[in-house]
Protein backbone atom coordinates (compact mmCIF):
# COMPACT_ATOMS: atom_id res chain seq x y z
CA MET A 1 -41.28 -51.87 -22.03
CA GLU A 2 -42.28 -52.38 -25.70
CA LYS A 3 -45.91 -52.51 -24.82
CA ILE A 4 -45.44 -49.44 -22.87
CA ILE A 5 -43.52 -47.66 -25.58
CA ASN A 6 -46.25 -48.28 -27.97
CA GLU A 7 -48.75 -47.09 -25.76
CA ILE A 8 -46.85 -43.76 -25.11
CA MET A 9 -46.56 -43.48 -29.08
CA SER A 10 -50.27 -44.13 -29.56
CA LYS A 11 -51.27 -41.43 -27.19
CA LYS A 12 -49.10 -38.93 -28.71
CA ILE A 13 -47.72 -37.92 -25.33
CA GLY A 14 -44.41 -36.63 -26.61
CA ASP A 15 -41.02 -37.21 -28.15
CA ILE A 16 -39.21 -40.39 -26.98
CA ILE A 17 -35.80 -41.58 -26.98
CA VAL A 18 -35.29 -45.60 -26.51
CA ASP A 19 -31.91 -46.60 -24.75
CA ALA A 20 -30.95 -43.17 -24.10
CA LYS A 21 -27.64 -42.72 -23.08
CA LEU A 22 -27.64 -40.68 -19.91
CA SER A 23 -23.96 -39.28 -20.65
CA LYS A 24 -25.64 -37.22 -23.29
CA PHE A 25 -28.07 -35.50 -20.67
CA THR A 26 -25.81 -35.10 -17.82
CA THR A 27 -23.31 -32.33 -17.24
CA TYR A 28 -20.83 -34.81 -15.63
CA LYS A 29 -21.10 -36.71 -19.23
CA VAL A 30 -21.09 -39.99 -17.58
CA GLY A 31 -24.17 -42.71 -16.71
CA GLY A 32 -25.63 -45.65 -18.10
CA THR A 33 -28.52 -45.99 -20.40
CA ALA A 34 -32.08 -45.33 -19.72
CA LYS A 35 -34.61 -47.87 -21.12
CA LEU A 36 -36.92 -44.98 -22.23
CA LEU A 37 -36.56 -41.10 -22.19
CA VAL A 38 -39.78 -38.90 -22.86
CA TYR A 39 -40.38 -35.22 -23.24
CA PRO A 40 -44.06 -34.87 -22.48
CA LYS A 41 -45.63 -32.00 -24.70
CA THR A 42 -48.23 -30.58 -22.32
CA ILE A 43 -49.30 -31.02 -18.56
CA ASP A 44 -52.24 -33.35 -19.86
CA LYS A 45 -49.74 -35.43 -21.81
CA LEU A 46 -47.55 -35.58 -18.60
CA VAL A 47 -50.67 -36.77 -16.54
CA GLU A 48 -51.41 -39.38 -19.38
CA LEU A 49 -47.57 -40.72 -18.96
CA MET A 50 -47.82 -40.73 -15.17
CA GLU A 51 -51.14 -42.79 -15.24
CA ILE A 52 -49.40 -45.32 -17.25
CA ILE A 53 -46.26 -45.03 -15.25
CA LEU A 54 -48.29 -45.73 -12.05
CA ARG A 55 -50.29 -48.25 -13.44
CA GLU A 56 -47.52 -50.37 -14.60
CA ASP A 57 -45.56 -49.53 -11.55
CA ILE A 58 -42.40 -48.23 -13.56
CA LYS A 59 -39.84 -46.48 -11.88
CA TYR A 60 -39.22 -42.96 -12.99
CA PHE A 61 -36.90 -39.88 -12.88
CA ILE A 62 -37.53 -36.06 -13.54
CA LEU A 63 -34.36 -34.81 -15.24
CA GLY A 64 -33.81 -31.22 -15.87
CA ASN A 65 -30.39 -29.99 -17.17
CA GLY A 66 -28.53 -32.90 -15.72
CA SER A 67 -26.41 -30.40 -13.84
CA ASN A 68 -26.90 -31.75 -10.31
CA VAL A 69 -27.25 -35.36 -10.68
CA LEU A 70 -25.03 -38.61 -10.66
CA PHE A 71 -26.40 -41.52 -12.49
CA SER A 72 -24.78 -45.08 -11.99
CA ASP A 73 -22.90 -46.80 -15.02
CA LYS A 74 -25.93 -49.29 -14.90
CA VAL A 75 -28.96 -49.43 -16.85
CA TYR A 76 -31.69 -47.34 -15.72
CA ASP A 77 -34.93 -49.76 -15.87
CA GLY A 78 -37.49 -47.06 -16.24
CA ILE A 79 -38.31 -43.95 -17.53
CA ILE A 80 -36.65 -40.60 -17.52
CA ILE A 81 -38.97 -37.57 -18.05
CA LYS A 82 -37.41 -34.26 -19.47
CA LEU A 83 -40.08 -31.18 -19.12
CA ASP A 84 -38.28 -29.34 -21.91
CA TYR A 85 -41.44 -28.39 -23.44
CA PHE A 86 -42.69 -26.70 -20.45
CA ASP A 87 -40.67 -23.65 -21.24
CA GLU A 88 -43.62 -20.70 -21.49
CA ILE A 89 -42.62 -17.40 -19.93
CA GLU A 90 -45.09 -14.36 -18.99
CA ILE A 91 -44.02 -11.29 -17.28
CA ASN A 92 -46.34 -8.92 -15.57
CA ASP A 93 -44.65 -6.20 -13.99
CA ASN A 94 -42.58 -7.73 -11.41
CA LEU A 95 -44.34 -10.85 -11.52
CA VAL A 96 -42.77 -13.81 -13.84
CA ARG A 97 -44.64 -17.09 -14.53
CA VAL A 98 -42.32 -19.29 -16.09
CA GLY A 99 -42.34 -23.37 -17.00
CA ALA A 100 -40.12 -25.60 -15.18
CA GLY A 101 -38.28 -26.48 -18.20
CA TYR A 102 -37.18 -22.98 -18.79
CA ASN A 103 -33.29 -22.51 -18.59
CA LEU A 104 -32.25 -20.98 -15.40
CA ILE A 105 -29.29 -18.95 -16.76
CA LYS A 106 -31.26 -17.64 -19.73
CA LEU A 107 -33.95 -16.40 -17.30
CA ALA A 108 -31.70 -14.56 -14.98
CA ASN A 109 -30.05 -12.90 -17.85
CA GLU A 110 -33.38 -11.96 -19.49
CA VAL A 111 -34.92 -10.60 -16.34
CA ALA A 112 -31.97 -8.48 -15.56
CA LYS A 113 -32.01 -6.78 -19.00
CA LEU A 114 -35.73 -5.83 -18.01
CA GLY A 115 -34.48 -3.94 -14.74
CA LEU A 116 -36.12 -7.01 -12.48
CA ALA A 117 -33.71 -7.79 -9.44
CA GLY A 118 -33.15 -10.57 -7.46
CA LEU A 119 -32.40 -13.71 -9.48
CA GLU A 120 -28.67 -12.64 -10.39
CA PHE A 121 -27.41 -15.14 -8.17
CA ALA A 122 -28.67 -17.75 -10.47
CA SER A 123 -26.78 -16.59 -13.44
CA GLY A 124 -24.34 -19.14 -13.04
CA ILE A 125 -26.44 -22.19 -12.27
CA PRO A 126 -26.62 -24.36 -15.16
CA GLY A 127 -30.03 -26.12 -14.39
CA THR A 128 -33.76 -25.78 -15.26
CA VAL A 129 -36.38 -23.55 -13.14
CA GLY A 130 -38.00 -26.71 -11.99
CA GLY A 131 -34.64 -28.39 -10.83
CA ALA A 132 -33.44 -25.01 -9.13
CA VAL A 133 -36.99 -24.93 -7.31
CA PHE A 134 -36.77 -28.60 -6.33
CA MET A 135 -33.14 -28.16 -4.87
CA ASN A 136 -33.71 -24.60 -3.78
CA ALA A 137 -30.65 -23.79 -5.58
CA GLY A 138 -28.41 -20.86 -4.64
CA ALA A 139 -25.38 -18.72 -4.63
CA TYR A 140 -24.05 -15.65 -3.13
CA GLN A 141 -26.06 -15.86 0.13
CA SER A 142 -29.14 -16.07 -2.03
CA GLU A 143 -31.45 -18.83 -3.16
CA MET A 144 -34.94 -19.57 -4.92
CA LYS A 145 -36.49 -19.32 -1.48
CA SER A 146 -35.97 -15.59 -1.84
CA VAL A 147 -37.89 -15.02 -5.22
CA VAL A 148 -40.67 -17.73 -5.48
CA ASN A 149 -43.97 -16.63 -4.84
CA SER A 150 -45.98 -19.63 -5.76
CA VAL A 151 -45.16 -23.42 -7.43
CA LYS A 152 -47.86 -25.02 -9.50
CA VAL A 153 -47.20 -28.86 -9.17
CA LEU A 154 -48.43 -32.19 -10.02
CA THR A 155 -49.57 -34.10 -6.98
CA PRO A 156 -48.93 -37.90 -6.74
CA ASP A 157 -52.75 -38.53 -7.18
CA LEU A 158 -52.12 -36.40 -10.13
CA LYS A 159 -54.11 -33.34 -9.51
CA VAL A 160 -52.65 -30.07 -10.51
CA ILE A 161 -52.24 -27.84 -7.41
CA THR A 162 -50.57 -24.47 -6.45
CA LEU A 163 -48.42 -24.34 -3.45
CA THR A 164 -47.66 -21.16 -1.85
CA LYS A 165 -43.95 -20.18 -0.79
CA GLU A 166 -44.91 -21.26 2.70
CA GLU A 167 -46.20 -24.45 1.93
CA MET A 168 -43.05 -25.15 -0.24
CA LYS A 169 -40.96 -25.35 3.25
CA PHE A 170 -37.80 -24.36 1.67
CA ARG A 171 -34.69 -24.78 3.65
CA TYR A 172 -31.02 -24.93 2.59
CA ARG A 173 -30.88 -26.90 -0.47
CA GLU A 174 -34.39 -28.47 0.26
CA SER A 175 -37.91 -28.22 -0.59
CA PHE A 176 -41.12 -29.63 0.02
CA ILE A 177 -41.22 -31.30 -3.42
CA GLN A 178 -37.85 -32.87 -2.85
CA ASN A 179 -38.92 -34.26 0.61
CA ASN A 180 -42.31 -35.43 -0.45
CA LYS A 181 -41.87 -38.18 -3.36
CA GLY A 182 -44.56 -38.03 -6.19
CA TYR A 183 -44.88 -34.18 -6.64
CA ILE A 184 -43.66 -32.50 -9.83
CA CYS A 185 -42.73 -28.84 -10.34
CA LEU A 186 -44.64 -27.66 -13.33
CA GLU A 187 -44.46 -24.02 -13.11
CA VAL A 188 -43.27 -21.38 -11.01
CA VAL A 189 -44.15 -17.71 -10.25
CA LEU A 190 -41.39 -15.55 -9.03
CA LYS A 191 -41.70 -12.32 -7.39
CA LEU A 192 -38.79 -10.12 -8.20
CA GLY A 193 -37.61 -6.52 -7.05
CA TYR A 194 -36.51 -3.58 -9.07
CA GLY A 195 -33.03 -2.49 -10.14
CA GLU A 196 -31.14 -0.48 -12.82
CA ARG A 197 -30.56 -2.76 -15.85
CA GLU A 198 -27.00 -1.77 -16.19
CA VAL A 199 -26.20 -2.48 -12.51
CA LEU A 200 -27.74 -5.70 -12.59
CA GLN A 201 -26.12 -6.72 -16.00
CA GLU A 202 -22.54 -5.51 -14.52
CA ILE A 203 -23.21 -7.76 -11.50
CA ILE A 204 -23.99 -10.88 -13.63
CA ARG A 205 -20.77 -10.01 -15.81
CA ASP A 206 -18.48 -9.74 -12.87
CA ARG A 207 -19.68 -12.90 -11.33
CA LYS A 208 -19.13 -14.78 -14.66
CA LEU A 209 -15.63 -13.80 -14.63
CA LYS A 210 -15.15 -14.94 -11.22
CA ARG A 211 -16.67 -18.22 -11.82
CA LYS A 212 -14.11 -18.63 -14.81
CA ARG A 213 -11.41 -17.83 -12.45
CA THR A 214 -12.56 -20.18 -9.56
CA GLN A 215 -14.36 -22.84 -10.98
CA PRO A 216 -13.23 -25.63 -13.63
CA LEU A 217 -15.74 -24.69 -16.30
CA GLU A 218 -13.41 -26.17 -19.10
CA TYR A 219 -14.19 -29.60 -17.78
CA PRO A 220 -17.47 -31.74 -17.47
CA THR A 221 -18.64 -31.22 -13.93
CA ALA A 222 -21.89 -30.89 -11.83
CA GLY A 223 -21.14 -28.16 -9.66
CA SER A 224 -20.75 -28.16 -6.00
CA VAL A 225 -20.53 -31.86 -5.01
CA PHE A 226 -21.25 -31.48 -1.05
CA ARG A 227 -23.12 -28.97 0.95
CA ASN A 228 -21.46 -26.67 2.91
CA PRO A 229 -21.76 -27.61 6.90
CA ARG A 230 -22.96 -24.89 8.84
CA GLY A 231 -20.59 -22.05 9.10
CA MET A 232 -18.01 -23.89 7.11
CA PHE A 233 -17.10 -24.43 3.47
CA ALA A 234 -16.82 -27.93 2.18
CA GLY A 235 -14.17 -26.86 -0.39
CA SER A 236 -12.05 -25.45 2.38
CA LEU A 237 -12.39 -28.76 4.52
CA ILE A 238 -11.28 -30.84 1.07
CA GLU A 239 -8.41 -28.71 0.59
CA ASN A 240 -7.05 -28.47 3.87
CA LEU A 241 -6.65 -32.25 3.51
CA ASP A 242 -4.54 -31.75 0.50
CA LEU A 243 -6.97 -33.58 -1.74
CA LYS A 244 -6.99 -31.10 -4.54
CA GLY A 245 -5.63 -33.04 -7.69
CA TYR A 246 -6.89 -36.58 -6.22
CA GLN A 247 -7.61 -38.97 -8.94
CA ILE A 248 -9.58 -42.11 -9.74
CA GLY A 249 -9.50 -43.22 -13.33
CA GLY A 250 -11.04 -40.37 -15.16
CA ALA A 251 -12.39 -38.30 -12.56
CA LYS A 252 -10.32 -35.79 -10.46
CA ILE A 253 -10.97 -33.42 -7.58
CA SER A 254 -10.41 -30.13 -9.22
CA GLU A 255 -7.25 -28.16 -8.51
CA LYS A 256 -9.31 -24.77 -9.01
CA HIS A 257 -12.02 -25.45 -6.44
CA ALA A 258 -11.81 -28.68 -3.85
CA ASN A 259 -15.96 -29.02 -4.04
CA PHE A 260 -15.65 -29.70 -7.87
CA ILE A 261 -15.13 -33.17 -9.01
CA ILE A 262 -14.28 -33.12 -12.84
CA ASN A 263 -14.52 -35.59 -15.81
CA THR A 264 -11.17 -35.43 -17.31
CA GLY A 265 -12.45 -37.02 -20.47
CA ASN A 266 -12.85 -40.99 -19.83
CA ALA A 267 -14.40 -40.85 -16.27
CA THR A 268 -17.13 -43.50 -15.41
CA ALA A 269 -19.92 -42.69 -12.73
CA THR A 270 -18.32 -45.31 -10.45
CA ASP A 271 -14.91 -43.03 -10.65
CA ILE A 272 -16.74 -39.98 -9.27
CA LYS A 273 -18.60 -41.93 -6.77
CA GLU A 274 -15.50 -43.44 -5.36
CA ILE A 275 -13.90 -40.07 -5.17
CA ILE A 276 -17.12 -38.84 -3.36
CA ASP A 277 -16.91 -41.83 -0.95
CA VAL A 278 -13.03 -41.02 -0.28
CA ILE A 279 -14.04 -37.20 0.82
CA LYS A 280 -16.45 -38.32 2.92
CA LYS A 281 -14.54 -40.98 4.94
CA LYS A 282 -11.24 -38.67 5.30
CA VAL A 283 -13.51 -35.54 6.12
CA LYS A 284 -15.27 -37.49 8.79
CA LYS A 285 -12.24 -39.10 9.99
CA GLU A 286 -10.30 -35.70 10.23
CA TYR A 287 -12.80 -33.49 11.37
CA GLY A 288 -15.70 -35.44 12.53
CA ILE A 289 -18.04 -33.91 9.97
CA ALA A 290 -20.42 -36.05 8.05
CA LEU A 291 -20.54 -34.10 4.66
CA ARG A 292 -23.75 -34.40 2.83
CA VAL A 293 -23.66 -34.76 -0.93
CA GLU A 294 -25.46 -31.81 -2.61
CA GLN A 295 -25.87 -33.81 -5.92
CA ARG A 296 -28.58 -36.60 -6.47
CA LEU A 297 -27.33 -40.10 -6.73
CA VAL A 298 -29.45 -42.11 -8.84
CA ASN A 299 -29.66 -45.67 -9.45
CA TRP A 300 -27.02 -46.92 -7.21
CA ASP A 301 -27.50 -49.71 -4.84
CA ASP A 302 -26.81 -47.85 -1.63
């Protein structure tokens, strides 16, 4: 890896962190160490980085705010790529062109202040724009699919192309990028509606208060653990099994919301993963339902 690091530095690809502690880059505040973490400065520099990665057959992972991911406690023997420098924004009437690294909550608040409607649902999703598009993030019966107009991506053969909303093949918590390895979200164009600024901001304020009441925001967590089965709520299934407060090590099923696992202060990734497995097993046994994990499990054996 030393040779790779020297090449990345000589090409001035961007900022780097050697032996990066992933607990500092994830909202669960757990995870092992990554051999290298890189912040490419531009799309061209990202392409140069990917050329090295593909040439050397190095594994890699694109990490946004780390708000929907669970890394194992093991060493990640590869490169973590963060697109924080991809944060340009341009607003032309109701079209918003925004970089993949832009903070989603910040964006939702900014467009609401301008009287642009449609992104209020995202005002409590602590991710990046790119991560939200990748996962087709959503809340309050809305999702990124409803506002995305087009997505600029880097393809597996390192070409920059633009995908239409239709080509993104959005489904519940899924997208074309997620289901086709090697595509990287670079930039998004959102098409928003119009609304009254005061009304939009009031909606955002009300939902913020509701989240504080119903979600364990005072603890490190990664949001909803499981996708909702069709016509059901995963949290209700878990709560009905009296699993609120169930704890392994420093990880615990939230007593506020059963579809949240919290880090009480000294949890390991293994603690969290074991609780996930317990929930899946009990829900399957009791209801015959195979819950699907919404969060991405990275660097695990299974």
